[in-house]
Amino acid sequence: MTKHLKLKIEDLGFFPSSCGSGNSRDKNVGPRFPVDFSPRRPVTVWLGYRFFNMSKQPEIDVEELIAKARVLLEALPYIQRFKGSTFVVKYGGSFMDDPDPEVRARLAVDIVFLAAVGIHVVVVHGGGKAISRAMETAGLEPTFNNGLRVTDRNTIGVVAKTLNDVVNFDICEMIRAQKGAPSGIPGQSLMLCRKLVEDDQGRAVDLGFVGEVTEVKIKLIKKALDANRIPVISPLATDDTGQFYNVNADLAAARVAGSLRARRLVFMSDVPGLLSDPGNASSLISTLHVDEVEALKQKGTIGKGMRPKVNAAVRALGEGVQRVHFIDGRMPHSLLLEIFTDKGVGTEIVHR
């Protein structure tokens, strides 16, 4: 057991100059000449108000430290470039329902990091499986039209309560746990909509109280950003009569990004990005020009599952967003890797 011996400097034969210059690193230096302490009786030397064990000097992995420095240096130009920019992040994917709280919190960590380096982050979230669980608890059976969920009059109240009071609250709490400053905003307080009457392929559809966003009132969002907070927005909107509507979170995120003229719109999903061979995860398309999208849709490369997201991305680019990214929310810290590294980890859609 280490014995703590409170010794005076002169008792150890230190010259005053060996105690360092007074800065935080120099206060921990040892003597300039060997002091003969038996290794069987480690001694903790008292210097000023600091204790350190002379027989247990920590080993420093210099290569590991240098590698960490390289990561920071690679990120530096991106941090400088994006400081003061607005990023919209569509928060969604299977990670939201992962039983491991650490997995659920990863994206919150990345979002707080972005905010800490001066990026204005706006979050638009989906519902995950929370809506299905809430409907089951309420004894409501889901109904579908052409594979799309119908939101009837009994369901819309459950949907609104779940999105605002459960999902939005939980995301805000995860951001707050990482020392971020979230501001939960019910989507119906800033998004206007009309009833959705066509699906993404132009076919007539009636999904009940499912809307299409027509306008985003950005005043509330900007107010939160000006207060250095992170707006967290639920995918709800109202029509001109005040009726609540459920809206597609991907489309809502795209409209929010377009209204803010965001520099980046990032979609989190359960795939690495857009794949040239949908069955091969190694066929990732790193960069795609917006005028190449239609051909990939015609070939079937952009399948039914990704089509609404890609359509939303194209619309956002047309409304002033500079770039749109698709990344895998299941990959640890994929948001940081996509934004702050030279190669990225997902797909970006850009202007020609």
Protein backbone atom coordinates (compact mmCIF):
# COMPACT_ATOMS: atom_id res chain seq x y z
CA MET A 1 0.00 0.00 0.00
CA THR A 2 1.38 3.40 -0.97
CA LYS A 3 2.53 5.46 1.99
CA HIS A 4 1.82 9.18 1.72
CA LEU A 5 4.83 10.94 3.26
CA LYS A 6 4.44 14.68 3.50
CA LEU A 7 8.00 15.81 2.83
CA LYS A 8 9.45 19.24 2.39
CA ILE A 9 11.25 19.99 -0.85
CA GLU A 10 14.59 20.51 0.89
CA ASP A 11 14.27 17.11 2.60
CA LEU A 12 14.56 15.49 -0.85
CA GLY A 13 17.54 17.56 -1.89
CA PHE A 14 15.65 19.47 -4.60
CA PHE A 15 17.10 22.69 -5.89
CA PRO A 16 14.45 25.39 -6.25
CA SER A 17 14.97 25.42 -10.02
CA SER A 18 13.94 21.77 -10.24
CA CYS A 19 10.40 22.58 -9.25
CA GLY A 20 9.59 24.02 -12.66
CA SER A 21 8.57 27.42 -13.93
CA GLY A 22 5.12 27.46 -12.32
CA ASN A 23 2.89 26.51 -15.25
CA SER A 24 0.45 23.60 -15.03
CA ARG A 25 2.78 21.07 -16.66
CA ASP A 26 5.95 22.07 -14.77
CA LYS A 27 4.31 21.58 -11.40
CA ASN A 28 4.42 17.84 -11.89
CA VAL A 29 8.08 17.45 -12.79
CA GLY A 30 10.34 15.34 -10.57
CA PRO A 31 13.92 16.00 -9.41
CA ARG A 32 16.74 16.51 -11.91
CA PHE A 33 18.80 13.78 -10.25
CA PRO A 34 17.92 10.28 -9.03
CA VAL A 35 16.43 9.84 -5.59
CA ASP A 36 16.99 6.39 -4.09
CA PHE A 37 13.59 5.08 -3.02
CA SER A 38 13.20 1.36 -2.48
CA PRO A 39 10.78 -0.14 -5.06
CA ARG A 40 9.33 -2.26 -2.26
CA ARG A 41 8.13 0.86 -0.49
CA PRO A 42 6.69 3.26 -3.07
CA VAL A 43 6.63 6.83 -1.87
CA THR A 44 4.20 9.52 -2.85
CA VAL A 45 5.99 12.87 -2.83
CA TRP A 46 4.15 15.99 -1.84
CA LEU A 47 4.95 19.05 -3.92
CA GLY A 48 2.89 22.08 -3.06
CA TYR A 49 -0.68 20.76 -3.12
CA ARG A 50 -0.12 17.85 -5.52
CA PHE A 51 0.57 14.18 -4.73
CA PHE A 52 2.13 11.84 -7.23
CA ASN A 53 3.51 8.34 -6.90
CA MET A 54 7.21 8.21 -7.73
CA SER A 55 7.15 4.43 -8.25
CA LYS A 56 4.16 4.36 -10.65
CA GLN A 57 4.86 6.73 -13.54
CA PRO A 58 2.10 6.47 -16.19
CA GLU A 59 3.05 5.04 -19.56
CA ILE A 60 2.35 7.38 -22.47
CA ASP A 61 1.46 5.94 -25.87
CA VAL A 62 2.88 8.69 -28.04
CA GLU A 63 1.69 7.12 -31.29
CA GLU A 64 -1.89 7.01 -29.99
CA LEU A 65 -1.70 10.69 -29.02
CA ILE A 66 -0.32 11.60 -32.43
CA ALA A 67 -3.13 9.66 -34.13
CA LYS A 68 -5.69 11.59 -32.11
CA ALA A 69 -4.01 14.84 -33.11
CA ARG A 70 -4.24 13.84 -36.79
CA VAL A 71 -8.01 13.32 -36.42
CA LEU A 72 -8.38 16.80 -34.96
CA LEU A 73 -6.23 18.32 -37.70
CA GLU A 74 -8.33 16.62 -40.40
CA ALA A 75 -11.47 18.05 -38.83
CA LEU A 76 -10.07 21.57 -38.37
CA PRO A 77 -10.72 22.98 -41.89
CA TYR A 78 -14.28 21.63 -41.83
CA ILE A 79 -14.92 23.16 -38.42
CA GLN A 80 -13.61 26.50 -39.67
CA ARG A 81 -15.64 26.26 -42.88
CA PHE A 82 -18.94 25.29 -41.25
CA LYS A 83 -18.86 27.57 -38.21
CA GLY A 84 -22.04 29.67 -38.24
CA SER A 85 -23.73 27.43 -40.86
CA THR A 86 -27.13 25.80 -40.43
CA PHE A 87 -27.44 22.01 -40.58
CA VAL A 88 -30.76 20.17 -40.49
CA VAL A 89 -30.60 16.58 -39.23
CA LYS A 90 -33.47 14.15 -39.83
CA TYR A 91 -33.31 12.07 -36.62
CA GLY A 92 -34.66 8.62 -37.32
CA GLY A 93 -33.87 4.98 -37.91
CA SER A 94 -33.89 1.74 -36.00
CA PHE A 95 -31.28 3.03 -33.54
CA MET A 96 -34.07 5.11 -31.94
CA ASP A 97 -35.63 1.88 -30.65
CA ASP A 98 -32.43 0.08 -29.68
CA PRO A 99 -32.63 -1.37 -26.15
CA ASP A 100 -29.08 -0.13 -25.44
CA PRO A 101 -29.26 3.48 -24.17
CA GLU A 102 -25.70 4.10 -25.35
CA VAL A 103 -26.70 3.28 -28.93
CA ARG A 104 -29.74 5.56 -28.69
CA ALA A 105 -27.58 8.42 -27.36
CA ARG A 106 -24.83 8.31 -30.00
CA LEU A 107 -26.48 10.72 -32.41
CA ALA A 108 -27.23 13.10 -29.55
CA VAL A 109 -23.50 13.19 -28.80
CA ASP A 110 -22.73 14.06 -32.43
CA ILE A 111 -25.39 16.77 -32.50
CA VAL A 112 -24.02 18.38 -29.35
CA PHE A 113 -20.52 18.26 -30.86
CA LEU A 114 -21.74 20.12 -33.96
CA ALA A 115 -23.35 22.77 -31.80
CA ALA A 116 -20.22 23.08 -29.64
CA VAL A 117 -18.07 23.99 -32.68
CA GLY A 118 -20.44 26.73 -33.78
CA ILE A 119 -22.81 24.95 -36.18
CA HIS A 120 -26.51 25.80 -35.89
CA VAL A 121 -28.17 22.38 -35.68
CA VAL A 122 -31.88 21.86 -36.27
CA VAL A 123 -33.36 18.41 -35.59
CA VAL A 124 -36.52 17.02 -37.20
CA HIS A 125 -37.42 13.59 -35.86
CA GLY A 126 -39.60 10.69 -36.86
CA GLY A 127 -41.74 8.49 -34.65
CA GLY A 128 -39.89 5.20 -34.74
CA LYS A 129 -41.94 2.41 -33.26
CA ALA A 130 -43.31 4.63 -30.49
CA ILE A 131 -46.50 5.38 -32.45
CA SER A 132 -47.16 1.67 -33.06
CA ARG A 133 -46.67 0.93 -29.36
CA ALA A 134 -48.97 3.80 -28.35
CA MET A 135 -51.69 2.64 -30.74
CA GLU A 136 -51.46 -0.90 -29.41
CA THR A 137 -51.78 0.40 -25.85
CA ALA A 138 -54.84 2.40 -26.89
CA GLY A 139 -56.39 -0.64 -28.55
CA LEU A 140 -56.24 0.89 -32.04
CA GLU A 141 -55.63 -1.37 -35.03
CA PRO A 142 -53.44 0.17 -37.77
CA THR A 143 -54.91 0.34 -41.25
CA PHE A 144 -53.04 0.78 -44.53
CA ASN A 145 -53.75 2.06 -48.02
CA ASN A 146 -51.33 0.89 -50.75
CA GLY A 147 -48.84 0.04 -48.03
CA LEU A 148 -49.07 3.47 -46.38
CA ARG A 149 -50.38 3.91 -42.84
CA VAL A 150 -53.75 5.65 -42.52
CA THR A 151 -54.15 8.20 -39.72
CA ASP A 152 -57.85 8.42 -38.89
CA ARG A 153 -59.61 10.73 -36.45
CA ASN A 154 -59.13 8.38 -33.50
CA THR A 155 -55.47 7.91 -34.30
CA ILE A 156 -54.32 11.51 -34.85
CA GLY A 157 -54.67 12.38 -31.16
CA VAL A 158 -52.51 9.41 -30.16
CA VAL A 159 -49.96 10.28 -32.85
CA ALA A 160 -49.69 13.92 -31.76
CA LYS A 161 -49.34 13.07 -28.08
CA THR A 162 -46.72 10.41 -28.78
CA LEU A 163 -44.62 12.58 -31.08
CA ASN A 164 -44.69 15.67 -28.86
CA ASP A 165 -44.79 14.25 -25.35
CA VAL A 166 -42.78 11.05 -25.74
CA VAL A 167 -40.43 11.03 -28.74
CA ASN A 168 -39.61 14.74 -28.77
CA PHE A 169 -39.17 14.77 -25.00
CA ASP A 170 -36.86 11.74 -25.06
CA ILE A 171 -34.61 13.23 -27.78
CA CYS A 172 -34.39 16.52 -25.87
CA GLU A 173 -33.43 14.62 -22.72
CA MET A 174 -30.66 12.74 -24.55
CA ILE A 175 -29.25 16.00 -25.91
CA ARG A 176 -29.50 17.58 -22.47
CA ALA A 177 -27.66 14.62 -20.93
CA GLN A 178 -24.72 15.46 -23.21
CA LYS A 179 -24.68 19.06 -21.93
CA GLY A 180 -26.52 20.34 -24.99
CA ALA A 181 -29.32 22.92 -24.91
CA PRO A 182 -32.35 21.52 -26.76
CA SER A 183 -35.57 23.38 -27.45
CA GLY A 184 -38.50 21.05 -28.13
CA ILE A 185 -40.89 22.54 -30.70
CA PRO A 186 -44.21 20.87 -31.62
CA GLY A 187 -44.26 20.77 -35.41
CA GLN A 188 -47.83 22.03 -35.61
CA SER A 189 -46.70 25.37 -34.15
CA LEU A 190 -44.59 26.17 -37.19
CA MET A 191 -45.61 23.96 -40.13
CA LEU A 192 -48.74 24.47 -42.27
CA CYS A 193 -50.04 21.73 -44.55
CA ARG A 194 -52.77 20.51 -46.83
CA LYS A 195 -54.24 17.03 -46.92
CA LEU A 196 -52.05 14.60 -48.84
CA VAL A 197 -53.96 13.37 -51.91
CA GLU A 198 -51.14 11.76 -53.97
CA ASP A 199 -48.31 9.37 -53.13
CA ASP A 200 -44.72 9.89 -54.30
CA GLN A 201 -45.55 8.30 -57.66
CA GLY A 202 -48.50 10.60 -58.35
CA ARG A 203 -51.22 8.05 -57.60
CA ALA A 204 -54.36 9.20 -55.81
CA VAL A 205 -54.41 8.17 -52.15
CA ASP A 206 -56.48 8.89 -49.04
CA LEU A 207 -54.52 8.44 -45.82
CA GLY A 208 -56.86 10.39 -43.55
CA PHE A 209 -55.09 13.01 -41.44
CA VAL A 210 -51.76 12.79 -43.26
CA GLY A 211 -50.61 16.11 -44.62
CA GLU A 212 -48.16 17.65 -47.07
CA VAL A 213 -46.17 20.58 -45.69
CA THR A 214 -46.82 23.80 -47.61
CA GLU A 215 -45.13 26.40 -45.39
CA VAL A 216 -42.64 26.57 -42.53
CA LYS A 217 -42.71 29.53 -40.16
CA ILE A 218 -39.03 29.83 -39.39
CA LYS A 219 -39.33 32.59 -36.76
CA LEU A 220 -39.54 30.12 -33.86
CA ILE A 221 -36.60 28.14 -35.19
CA LYS A 222 -34.42 31.21 -35.61
CA LYS A 223 -35.36 32.43 -32.16
CA ALA A 224 -34.12 29.17 -30.66
CA LEU A 225 -30.91 29.27 -32.73
CA ASP A 226 -30.25 32.88 -31.73
CA ALA A 227 -30.47 31.74 -28.09
CA ASN A 228 -27.79 29.08 -28.83
CA ARG A 229 -30.30 26.27 -28.49
CA ILE A 230 -30.91 23.19 -30.62
CA PRO A 231 -34.47 23.14 -32.03
CA VAL A 232 -36.01 19.66 -31.96
CA ILE A 233 -39.12 19.54 -34.15
CA SER A 234 -41.84 16.88 -34.31
CA PRO A 235 -43.39 15.90 -37.69
CA LEU A 236 -46.81 17.46 -37.21
CA ALA A 237 -48.56 20.29 -39.04
CA THR A 238 -51.91 22.05 -39.17
CA ASP A 239 -54.19 23.05 -42.02
CA ASP A 240 -55.88 26.45 -42.33
CA THR A 241 -58.63 25.34 -39.92
CA GLY A 242 -56.19 24.32 -37.19
CA GLN A 243 -56.66 20.58 -37.69
CA PHE A 244 -53.57 18.52 -36.79
CA TYR A 245 -51.99 16.33 -39.47
CA ASN A 246 -49.26 13.73 -39.31
CA VAL A 247 -46.56 14.51 -41.91
CA ASN A 248 -43.72 12.45 -43.32
CA ALA A 249 -40.62 13.31 -41.26
CA ASP A 250 -38.28 13.14 -44.26
CA LEU A 251 -40.40 15.59 -46.23
CA ALA A 252 -40.81 17.80 -43.17
CA ALA A 253 -37.03 17.91 -42.66
CA ALA A 254 -36.54 18.82 -46.32
CA ARG A 255 -39.05 21.68 -46.12
CA VAL A 256 -37.47 22.98 -42.90
CA ALA A 257 -34.01 22.84 -44.49
CA GLY A 258 -35.23 24.60 -47.63
CA SER A 259 -36.96 27.34 -45.65
CA LEU A 260 -33.78 27.96 -43.65
CA ARG A 261 -31.53 27.71 -46.74
CA ALA A 262 -29.51 25.22 -44.73
CA ARG A 263 -25.97 24.43 -45.76
CA ARG A 264 -26.48 20.74 -45.08
CA LEU A 265 -29.45 18.38 -44.76
CA VAL A 266 -28.57 14.99 -43.28
CA PHE A 267 -30.87 11.97 -43.38
CA MET A 268 -30.17 9.20 -40.87
CA SER A 269 -31.35 5.79 -42.08
CA ASP A 270 -30.66 2.06 -41.72
CA VAL A 271 -28.48 1.73 -44.83
CA PRO A 272 -24.97 3.07 -45.53
CA GLY A 273 -26.32 5.47 -48.17
CA LEU A 274 -27.29 5.01 -51.81
CA LEU A 275 -25.96 1.79 -53.32
CA SER A 276 -25.29 1.19 -57.03
CA ASP A 277 -26.11 -2.47 -56.29
CA PRO A 278 -28.86 -2.44 -53.63
CA GLY A 279 -27.85 -5.91 -52.46
CA ASN A 280 -24.18 -5.04 -52.02
CA ALA A 281 -23.22 -2.78 -49.12
CA SER A 282 -19.75 -2.22 -50.62
CA SER A 283 -21.26 -0.52 -53.72
CA LEU A 284 -21.77 2.78 -51.91
CA ILE A 285 -22.18 5.84 -54.13
CA SER A 286 -20.08 8.48 -52.37
CA THR A 287 -21.17 11.49 -54.46
CA LEU A 288 -24.20 11.82 -56.72
CA HIS A 289 -25.14 14.84 -58.83
CA VAL A 290 -28.76 15.85 -58.59
CA ASP A 291 -29.27 15.50 -62.36
CA GLU A 292 -28.27 11.82 -62.12
CA VAL A 293 -31.04 10.91 -59.69
CA GLU A 294 -33.83 10.33 -62.19
CA ALA A 295 -31.85 7.79 -64.19
CA LEU A 296 -31.10 5.79 -61.03
CA LYS A 297 -34.79 5.81 -60.12
CA GLN A 298 -35.68 4.50 -63.58
CA LYS A 299 -33.07 1.71 -63.28
CA GLY A 300 -34.42 0.71 -59.87
CA THR A 301 -31.13 1.56 -58.16
CA ILE A 302 -33.08 3.95 -55.94
CA GLY A 303 -35.78 1.61 -54.69
CA LYS A 304 -39.15 2.15 -53.12
CA GLY A 305 -37.78 2.48 -49.58
CA MET A 306 -35.34 5.28 -50.43
CA ARG A 307 -37.45 7.03 -53.05
CA PRO A 308 -39.33 9.39 -50.67
CA LYS A 309 -36.05 10.42 -49.01
CA VAL A 310 -34.36 11.06 -52.35
CA ASN A 311 -37.37 13.01 -53.63
CA ALA A 312 -37.22 15.11 -50.48
CA ALA A 313 -33.49 15.64 -51.01
CA VAL A 314 -33.97 16.83 -54.60
CA ARG A 315 -36.67 19.25 -53.50
CA ALA A 316 -34.46 20.61 -50.70
CA LEU A 317 -31.60 21.19 -53.15
CA GLY A 318 -34.01 23.05 -55.40
CA GLU A 319 -35.03 25.26 -52.48
CA GLY A 320 -31.51 26.39 -51.63
CA VAL A 321 -29.92 23.63 -49.56
CA GLN A 322 -26.28 23.21 -50.64
CA ARG A 323 -25.80 19.48 -50.04
CA VAL A 324 -27.82 16.52 -48.80
CA HIS A 325 -26.29 13.50 -47.06
CA PHE A 326 -27.60 9.97 -46.46
CA ILE A 327 -25.79 8.09 -43.69
CA ASP A 328 -26.28 5.01 -41.55
CA GLY A 329 -27.54 5.97 -38.10
CA ARG A 330 -26.49 2.57 -36.77
CA MET A 331 -22.79 3.34 -37.31
CA PRO A 332 -21.20 4.96 -34.23
CA HIS A 333 -20.68 8.69 -34.78
CA SER A 334 -21.50 8.46 -38.49
CA LEU A 335 -22.66 12.08 -38.48
CA LEU A 336 -19.23 13.35 -37.38
CA LEU A 337 -17.43 11.01 -39.79
CA GLU A 338 -19.51 12.24 -42.72
CA ILE A 339 -19.10 15.93 -41.95
CA PHE A 340 -15.57 16.22 -40.58
CA THR A 341 -13.52 13.70 -42.60
CA ASP A 342 -12.20 13.91 -46.15
CA LYS A 343 -13.80 10.70 -47.42
CA GLY A 344 -17.07 10.61 -45.48
CA VAL A 345 -19.05 7.45 -44.80
CA GLY A 346 -22.31 7.93 -46.68
CA THR A 347 -23.75 9.40 -49.87
CA GLU A 348 -23.93 13.10 -50.68
CA ILE A 349 -26.22 14.54 -53.36
CA VAL A 350 -24.88 17.78 -54.77
CA HIS A 351 -25.54 20.37 -57.44
CA ARG A 352 -23.70 19.88 -60.74
